[in-house]
Amino acid sequence: MARRPPKAQIVREYYNGKFVIQVRDDGTVTEKNYNNVIQGLNGLYKNPKFPEMRDDAQDRMYRLAMDYYRYH
């Protein structure tokens, strides 16, 4: 069975006043709902299987929250 290529990593993520914009290392850009992104990061933060992701998730949530409050 052929293996899938690895998923492109998010290299930049910011809130533009309406959506969270995620830019991946392969050049793709996606717009996502702010609340859905924060809920996903909160799930990563609380996941006991991957404690090494805790600091990264907390850092990303903080940066997105600061962007969010800049617009609201």
Protein backbone atom coordinates (compact mmCIF):
# COMPACT_ATOMS: atom_id res chain seq x y z
CA MET A 1 0.00 0.00 0.00
CA ALA A 2 1.38 3.39 -0.96
CA ARG A 3 2.10 5.79 1.86
CA ARG A 4 0.61 9.24 1.84
CA PRO A 5 3.05 12.12 1.67
CA PRO A 6 3.47 14.00 4.96
CA LYS A 7 1.00 16.80 5.59
CA ALA A 8 2.38 20.27 5.01
CA GLN A 9 3.22 22.07 8.25
CA ILE A 10 1.73 25.42 9.25
CA VAL A 11 4.46 28.05 9.00
CA ARG A 12 2.35 31.16 9.67
CA GLU A 13 -0.97 31.58 11.42
CA TYR A 14 -2.77 34.84 12.18
CA TYR A 15 -6.21 36.35 12.65
CA ASN A 16 -7.23 38.89 10.00
CA GLY A 17 -10.33 40.29 11.72
CA LYS A 18 -12.69 37.70 10.28
CA PHE A 19 -10.90 34.35 9.97
CA VAL A 20 -7.74 32.59 11.10
CA ILE A 21 -5.41 32.43 8.11
CA GLN A 22 -3.06 29.44 8.02
CA VAL A 23 -0.15 29.42 5.57
CA ARG A 24 1.53 26.05 5.08
CA ASP A 25 5.06 25.35 3.92
CA ASP A 26 3.82 24.09 0.53
CA GLY A 27 2.26 27.50 -0.18
CA THR A 28 -1.39 26.65 0.46
CA VAL A 29 -3.48 29.17 2.38
CA THR A 30 -6.61 28.25 4.34
CA GLU A 31 -9.18 30.34 6.19
CA LYS A 32 -10.71 28.82 9.31
CA ASN A 33 -13.20 29.90 11.94
CA TYR A 34 -11.44 31.38 14.99
CA ASN A 35 -13.47 29.37 17.53
CA ASN A 36 -12.84 26.06 15.76
CA VAL A 37 -9.08 26.69 15.69
CA ILE A 38 -8.99 27.63 19.39
CA GLN A 39 -11.04 24.53 20.34
CA GLY A 40 -8.62 22.33 18.38
CA LEU A 41 -5.60 23.90 20.05
CA ASN A 42 -7.27 23.53 23.46
CA GLY A 43 -7.72 19.83 22.71
CA LEU A 44 -4.02 19.54 21.86
CA TYR A 45 -3.12 21.37 25.07
CA LYS A 46 -5.13 18.94 27.21
CA ASN A 47 -4.11 15.74 25.36
CA PRO A 48 -2.03 13.56 27.70
CA LYS A 49 -0.65 11.46 24.80
CA PHE A 50 1.40 14.33 23.39
CA PRO A 51 2.79 16.42 26.27
CA GLU A 52 5.48 17.89 23.99
CA MET A 53 2.73 19.70 22.03
CA ARG A 54 1.46 21.48 25.12
CA ASP A 55 3.85 24.45 24.93
CA ASP A 56 3.35 24.89 21.19
CA ALA A 57 -0.46 24.82 21.52
CA GLN A 58 -0.36 27.32 24.39
CA ASP A 59 1.92 29.66 22.42
CA ARG A 60 -0.30 29.49 19.31
CA MET A 61 -3.47 30.12 21.38
CA TYR A 62 -1.86 33.16 23.01
CA ARG A 63 -0.74 34.68 19.69
CA LEU A 64 -4.16 34.14 18.09
CA ALA A 65 -5.91 35.61 21.13
CA MET A 66 -3.74 38.73 20.94
CA ASP A 67 -4.57 39.07 17.22
CA TYR A 68 -8.27 38.56 18.01
CA TYR A 69 -8.34 41.25 20.70
CA ARG A 70 -6.52 43.66 18.41
CA TYR A 71 -9.58 43.57 16.12
CA HIS A 72 -12.32 43.44 18.79
